[in-house]
Amino acid sequence: VCYECKHVGMLSIKTANKSVEDALKMPDPVDLYYGLLNEGEVACLFADSNAGKSIFAVQMADYISRYRKVLYVDCELSEKQFQLRYTSKEMGFRYVFSDNFYRAEIDPEHIGVQNYDEAIIKDIEAASLQTDSKIVIIDNLTYLCNSSENGDVAGLFMMMLIVEKNIFTLTLLLISHTS
């Protein structure tokens, strides 16, 4: 209980010095990928289409999966497209990922039309729990949040994701296209 805190609605207010003192008692976040992704945080990777965001995110997931379980929610590629990206017929090469790297894609036969935003977040939560993955990469937010151009809808969707992150102590990397 913080006796030096004041509350205004959802906000908890304290001096900057008290914030630093309290934070000093907490463990430092673990760097998961060269300072770009820290444990327990939300990071966003965004750029124009075809800039290499998905390839970079898979590289990050592959690296992190060497020591942690990672759930990669792929709303961009089909299973076949993913396979083709990571195999070479000419050289007879198939890239082998860690067994800690889980890939999920949306099954079109199971898409509901009501409360889509809430349902997909609950499904990501359930998949994270089932795979025991505390690191979740969502590729891409533009697909999941159909009205991401609308700031209100995108903001609400982000708040729902952050609530899930806090409840389940997840690390989130969100990929999005810039408009």
C-alpha atoms as a PDB file:
ATOM      1  CA  VAL A   1       0.000   0.000   0.000  1.00  0.00           C
ATOM      2  CA  CYS A   2       1.407   3.354  -0.991  1.00  0.00           C
ATOM      3  CA  TYR A   3       0.646   5.963   1.685  1.00  0.00           C
ATOM      4  CA  GLU A   4       2.335   8.665  -0.354  1.00  0.00           C
ATOM      5  CA  CYS A   5       0.133   7.987  -3.402  1.00  0.00           C
ATOM      6  CA  LYS A   6      -2.931   9.876  -4.447  1.00  0.00           C
ATOM      7  CA  HIS A   7      -5.588   8.399  -6.664  1.00  0.00           C
ATOM      8  CA  VAL A   8      -7.618  10.157  -9.304  1.00  0.00           C
ATOM      9  CA  GLY A   9      -9.928   7.656 -10.968  1.00  0.00           C
ATOM     10  CA  MET A  10      -7.695   5.069 -12.637  1.00  0.00           C
ATOM     11  CA  LEU A  11      -4.535   7.107 -12.020  1.00  0.00           C
ATOM     12  CA  SER A  12      -2.124   6.570  -9.141  1.00  0.00           C
ATOM     13  CA  ILE A  13      -0.036   9.676  -8.555  1.00  0.00           C
ATOM     14  CA  LYS A  14       3.247   9.968  -6.635  1.00  0.00           C
ATOM     15  CA  THR A  15       6.368  12.078  -6.876  1.00  0.00           C
ATOM     16  CA  ALA A  16       8.960  11.177  -9.463  1.00  0.00           C
ATOM     17  CA  ASN A  17      11.407  10.451  -6.637  1.00  0.00           C
ATOM     18  CA  LYS A  18       8.956   8.015  -5.015  1.00  0.00           C
ATOM     19  CA  SER A  19       8.484   6.348  -8.420  1.00  0.00           C
ATOM     20  CA  VAL A  20      12.259   5.865  -8.739  1.00  0.00           C
ATOM     21  CA  GLU A  21      12.555   4.597  -5.143  1.00  0.00           C
ATOM     22  CA  ASP A  22       9.771   2.056  -5.732  1.00  0.00           C
ATOM     23  CA  ALA A  23      11.233   0.978  -9.070  1.00  0.00           C
ATOM     24  CA  LEU A  24      14.661   0.399  -7.483  1.00  0.00           C
ATOM     25  CA  LYS A  25      13.047  -2.414  -5.457  1.00  0.00           C
ATOM     26  CA  MET A  26      11.928  -4.171  -8.646  1.00  0.00           C
ATOM     27  CA  PRO A  27      14.141  -6.456 -10.750  1.00  0.00           C
ATOM     28  CA  ASP A  28      15.531  -5.026 -13.969  1.00  0.00           C
ATOM     29  CA  PRO A  29      13.804  -6.382 -17.092  1.00  0.00           C
ATOM     30  CA  VAL A  30      15.613  -9.128 -18.983  1.00  0.00           C
ATOM     31  CA  ASP A  31      16.858  -8.087 -22.416  1.00  0.00           C
ATOM     32  CA  LEU A  32      15.405 -10.621 -24.844  1.00  0.00           C
ATOM     33  CA  TYR A  33      16.768  -9.262 -28.125  1.00  0.00           C
ATOM     34  CA  TYR A  34      19.676  -6.789 -28.226  1.00  0.00           C
ATOM     35  CA  GLY A  35      17.854  -4.031 -26.358  1.00  0.00           C
ATOM     36  CA  LEU A  36      14.904  -4.017 -28.751  1.00  0.00           C
ATOM     37  CA  LEU A  37      12.619  -6.255 -26.689  1.00  0.00           C
ATOM     38  CA  ASN A  38      12.618  -6.500 -22.903  1.00  0.00           C
ATOM     39  CA  GLU A  39      10.767  -9.028 -20.793  1.00  0.00           C
ATOM     40  CA  GLY A  40       7.357  -7.869 -19.597  1.00  0.00           C
ATOM     41  CA  GLU A  41       7.109  -4.963 -22.003  1.00  0.00           C
ATOM     42  CA  VAL A  42       5.095  -4.109 -25.093  1.00  0.00           C
ATOM     43  CA  ALA A  43       7.057  -3.177 -28.199  1.00  0.00           C
ATOM     44  CA  CYS A  44       5.753  -2.129 -31.594  1.00  0.00           C
ATOM     45  CA  LEU A  45       7.459  -2.780 -34.905  1.00  0.00           C
ATOM     46  CA  PHE A  46       5.908  -0.793 -37.710  1.00  0.00           C
ATOM     47  CA  ALA A  47       6.844   0.204 -41.243  1.00  0.00           C
ATOM     48  CA  ASP A  48       5.458   0.268 -44.759  1.00  0.00           C
ATOM     49  CA  SER A  49       4.361  -2.974 -46.408  1.00  0.00           C
ATOM     50  CA  ASN A  50       7.162  -5.179 -47.760  1.00  0.00           C
ATOM     51  CA  ALA A  51       9.825  -3.579 -45.550  1.00  0.00           C
ATOM     52  CA  GLY A  52      10.825  -6.905 -43.954  1.00  0.00           C
ATOM     53  CA  LYS A  53       8.954  -6.615 -40.642  1.00  0.00           C
ATOM     54  CA  SER A  54       7.757 -10.222 -40.636  1.00  0.00           C
ATOM     55  CA  ILE A  55      11.144 -11.661 -41.570  1.00  0.00           C
ATOM     56  CA  PHE A  56      12.780  -9.606 -38.810  1.00  0.00           C
ATOM     57  CA  ALA A  57      10.121 -10.659 -36.290  1.00  0.00           C
ATOM     58  CA  VAL A  58      10.643 -14.349 -37.152  1.00  0.00           C
ATOM     59  CA  GLN A  59      14.402 -13.843 -36.687  1.00  0.00           C
ATOM     60  CA  MET A  60      13.715 -12.334 -33.275  1.00  0.00           C
ATOM     61  CA  ALA A  61      11.367 -15.189 -32.355  1.00  0.00           C
ATOM     62  CA  ASP A  62      13.898 -17.752 -33.558  1.00  0.00           C
ATOM     63  CA  TYR A  63      16.661 -16.188 -31.450  1.00  0.00           C
ATOM     64  CA  ILE A  64      14.516 -15.862 -28.317  1.00  0.00           C
ATOM     65  CA  SER A  65      13.147 -19.410 -28.716  1.00  0.00           C
ATOM     66  CA  ARG A  66      16.640 -20.763 -28.085  1.00  0.00           C
ATOM     67  CA  TYR A  67      16.070 -20.060 -24.380  1.00  0.00           C
ATOM     68  CA  ARG A  68      12.353 -19.145 -24.000  1.00  0.00           C
ATOM     69  CA  LYS A  69       9.056 -20.289 -25.458  1.00  0.00           C
ATOM     70  CA  VAL A  70       7.659 -17.925 -28.083  1.00  0.00           C
ATOM     71  CA  LEU A  71       4.199 -17.805 -29.658  1.00  0.00           C
ATOM     72  CA  TYR A  72       4.182 -16.187 -33.107  1.00  0.00           C
ATOM     73  CA  VAL A  73       0.642 -15.282 -34.225  1.00  0.00           C
ATOM     74  CA  ASP A  74       0.992 -15.127 -37.999  1.00  0.00           C
ATOM     75  CA  CYS A  75      -1.838 -13.279 -39.716  1.00  0.00           C
ATOM     76  CA  GLU A  76       0.259 -12.623 -42.806  1.00  0.00           C
ATOM     77  CA  LEU A  77       1.393 -15.948 -44.257  1.00  0.00           C
ATOM     78  CA  SER A  78      -0.342 -19.242 -44.841  1.00  0.00           C
ATOM     79  CA  GLU A  79       1.382 -22.367 -43.606  1.00  0.00           C
ATOM     80  CA  LYS A  80       2.611 -23.076 -47.162  1.00  0.00           C
ATOM     81  CA  GLN A  81       3.942 -19.536 -47.626  1.00  0.00           C
ATOM     82  CA  PHE A  82       5.789 -19.823 -44.307  1.00  0.00           C
ATOM     83  CA  GLN A  83       7.284 -23.167 -45.372  1.00  0.00           C
ATOM     84  CA  LEU A  84       8.388 -21.781 -48.743  1.00  0.00           C
ATOM     85  CA  ARG A  85      10.030 -18.795 -47.065  1.00  0.00           C
ATOM     86  CA  TYR A  86      12.167 -21.079 -44.884  1.00  0.00           C
ATOM     87  CA  THR A  87      13.116 -23.781 -47.378  1.00  0.00           C
ATOM     88  CA  SER A  88      15.234 -23.807 -50.494  1.00  0.00           C
ATOM     89  CA  LYS A  89      14.404 -26.390 -53.172  1.00  0.00           C
ATOM     90  CA  GLU A  90      17.527 -25.528 -55.139  1.00  0.00           C
ATOM     91  CA  MET A  91      19.858 -26.223 -52.227  1.00  0.00           C
ATOM     92  CA  GLY A  92      17.738 -28.904 -50.555  1.00  0.00           C
ATOM     93  CA  PHE A  93      17.718 -26.843 -47.368  1.00  0.00           C
ATOM     94  CA  ARG A  94      14.980 -26.594 -44.738  1.00  0.00           C
ATOM     95  CA  TYR A  95      15.527 -24.279 -41.824  1.00  0.00           C
ATOM     96  CA  VAL A  96      14.894 -26.035 -38.497  1.00  0.00           C
ATOM     97  CA  PHE A  97      13.383 -23.883 -35.771  1.00  0.00           C
ATOM     98  CA  SER A  98      13.594 -24.553 -32.050  1.00  0.00           C
ATOM     99  CA  ASP A  99      10.776 -26.605 -30.555  1.00  0.00           C
ATOM    100  CA  ASN A 100      10.186 -23.581 -28.294  1.00  0.00           C
ATOM    101  CA  PHE A 101       8.994 -21.595 -31.335  1.00  0.00           C
ATOM    102  CA  TYR A 102       5.220 -21.961 -31.780  1.00  0.00           C
ATOM    103  CA  ARG A 103       3.411 -20.537 -34.797  1.00  0.00           C
ATOM    104  CA  ALA A 104      -0.323 -19.899 -34.827  1.00  0.00           C
ATOM    105  CA  GLU A 105      -2.479 -18.755 -37.690  1.00  0.00           C
ATOM    106  CA  ILE A 106      -6.145 -17.872 -37.827  1.00  0.00           C
ATOM    107  CA  ASP A 107      -8.305 -20.732 -39.038  1.00  0.00           C
ATOM    108  CA  PRO A 108     -10.907 -19.116 -41.347  1.00  0.00           C
ATOM    109  CA  GLU A 109     -13.425 -21.845 -40.501  1.00  0.00           C
ATOM    110  CA  HIS A 110     -13.429 -20.747 -36.868  1.00  0.00           C
ATOM    111  CA  ILE A 111     -13.750 -16.994 -37.282  1.00  0.00           C
ATOM    112  CA  GLY A 112     -16.760 -15.588 -35.470  1.00  0.00           C
ATOM    113  CA  VAL A 113     -18.286 -12.323 -36.539  1.00  0.00           C
ATOM    114  CA  GLN A 114     -19.490 -11.115 -33.139  1.00  0.00           C
ATOM    115  CA  ASN A 115     -16.999  -9.536 -30.734  1.00  0.00           C
ATOM    116  CA  TYR A 116     -14.095 -10.462 -33.017  1.00  0.00           C
ATOM    117  CA  ASP A 117     -11.592  -8.242 -31.174  1.00  0.00           C
ATOM    118  CA  GLU A 118     -12.371  -9.749 -27.775  1.00  0.00           C
ATOM    119  CA  ALA A 119     -12.490 -13.294 -29.156  1.00  0.00           C
ATOM    120  CA  ILE A 120      -9.097 -13.117 -30.873  1.00  0.00           C
ATOM    121  CA  ILE A 121      -7.470 -11.691 -27.742  1.00  0.00           C
ATOM    122  CA  LYS A 122      -8.968 -14.506 -25.649  1.00  0.00           C
ATOM    123  CA  ASP A 123      -7.734 -17.047 -28.228  1.00  0.00           C
ATOM    124  CA  ILE A 124      -4.205 -15.585 -28.127  1.00  0.00           C
ATOM    125  CA  GLU A 125      -4.347 -15.744 -24.324  1.00  0.00           C
ATOM    126  CA  ALA A 126      -5.455 -19.406 -24.439  1.00  0.00           C
ATOM    127  CA  ALA A 127      -2.756 -20.288 -27.002  1.00  0.00           C
ATOM    128  CA  SER A 128      -0.132 -18.587 -24.844  1.00  0.00           C
ATOM    129  CA  LEU A 129      -1.246 -20.600 -21.830  1.00  0.00           C
ATOM    130  CA  GLN A 130      -1.458 -23.865 -23.793  1.00  0.00           C
ATOM    131  CA  THR A 131       2.072 -23.482 -25.176  1.00  0.00           C
ATOM    132  CA  ASP A 132       3.399 -21.956 -21.935  1.00  0.00           C
ATOM    133  CA  SER A 133       4.719 -19.022 -23.991  1.00  0.00           C
ATOM    134  CA  LYS A 134       5.247 -15.772 -22.124  1.00  0.00           C
ATOM    135  CA  ILE A 135       6.545 -14.025 -25.253  1.00  0.00           C
ATOM    136  CA  VAL A 136       3.897 -13.352 -27.893  1.00  0.00           C
ATOM    137  CA  ILE A 137       4.571 -11.798 -31.282  1.00  0.00           C
ATOM    138  CA  ILE A 138       1.505 -10.652 -33.207  1.00  0.00           C
ATOM    139  CA  ASP A 139       1.993 -10.242 -36.952  1.00  0.00           C
ATOM    140  CA  ASN A 140       0.113  -8.125 -37.647  1.00  0.00           C
ATOM    141  CA  LEU A 141      -2.040  -5.740 -35.682  1.00  0.00           C
ATOM    142  CA  THR A 142      -3.467  -4.189 -38.849  1.00  0.00           C
ATOM    143  CA  TYR A 143      -5.100  -7.528 -39.706  1.00  0.00           C
ATOM    144  CA  LEU A 144      -6.369  -8.282 -36.212  1.00  0.00           C
ATOM    145  CA  CYS A 145      -7.757  -4.846 -35.534  1.00  0.00           C
ATOM    146  CA  ASN A 146      -9.732  -4.346 -38.725  1.00  0.00           C
ATOM    147  CA  SER A 147     -10.374  -0.695 -37.914  1.00  0.00           C
ATOM    148  CA  SER A 148      -6.812   0.133 -36.904  1.00  0.00           C
ATOM    149  CA  GLU A 149      -7.014   3.271 -39.026  1.00  0.00           C
ATOM    150  CA  ASN A 150      -9.645   4.421 -36.526  1.00  0.00           C
ATOM    151  CA  GLY A 151      -7.703   5.570 -33.469  1.00  0.00           C
ATOM    152  CA  ASP A 152     -10.542   4.822 -31.038  1.00  0.00           C
ATOM    153  CA  VAL A 153     -10.861   1.187 -32.101  1.00  0.00           C
ATOM    154  CA  ALA A 154      -7.106   0.614 -32.301  1.00  0.00           C
ATOM    155  CA  GLY A 155      -6.649   2.232 -28.886  1.00  0.00           C
ATOM    156  CA  LEU A 156      -9.307   0.016 -27.324  1.00  0.00           C
ATOM    157  CA  PHE A 157      -7.770  -3.078 -28.887  1.00  0.00           C
ATOM    158  CA  MET A 158      -4.339  -2.086 -27.544  1.00  0.00           C
ATOM    159  CA  MET A 159      -5.772  -1.542 -24.062  1.00  0.00           C
ATOM    160  CA  MET A 160      -7.326  -5.030 -24.132  1.00  0.00           C
ATOM    161  CA  LEU A 161      -3.961  -6.503 -25.170  1.00  0.00           C
ATOM    162  CA  ILE A 162      -2.153  -4.641 -22.395  1.00  0.00           C
ATOM    163  CA  VAL A 163      -4.645  -5.910 -19.810  1.00  0.00           C
ATOM    164  CA  GLU A 164      -3.919  -9.476 -20.975  1.00  0.00           C
ATOM    165  CA  LYS A 165      -0.188  -8.757 -20.863  1.00  0.00           C
ATOM    166  CA  ASN A 166      -0.448  -7.582 -17.269  1.00  0.00           C
ATOM    167  CA  ILE A 167      -2.691 -10.421 -16.093  1.00  0.00           C
ATOM    168  CA  PHE A 168      -0.517 -13.143 -17.616  1.00  0.00           C
ATOM    169  CA  THR A 169       2.865 -11.353 -17.357  1.00  0.00           C
ATOM    170  CA  LEU A 170       3.449 -11.528 -21.089  1.00  0.00           C
ATOM    171  CA  THR A 171       5.963  -9.802 -23.320  1.00  0.00           C
ATOM    172  CA  LEU A 172       4.327  -8.513 -26.501  1.00  0.00           C
ATOM    173  CA  LEU A 173       5.817  -7.551 -29.845  1.00  0.00           C
ATOM    174  CA  LEU A 174       3.158  -6.033 -32.087  1.00  0.00           C
ATOM    175  CA  ILE A 175       3.772  -5.639 -35.798  1.00  0.00           C
ATOM    176  CA  SER A 176       1.777  -3.148 -37.812  1.00  0.00           C
ATOM    177  CA  HIS A 177       1.736  -1.466 -41.203  1.00  0.00           C
ATOM    178  CA  THR A 178       2.029   2.283 -41.333  1.00  0.00           C
ATOM    179  CA  SER A 179      -0.667   4.052 -43.295  1.00  0.00           C
END
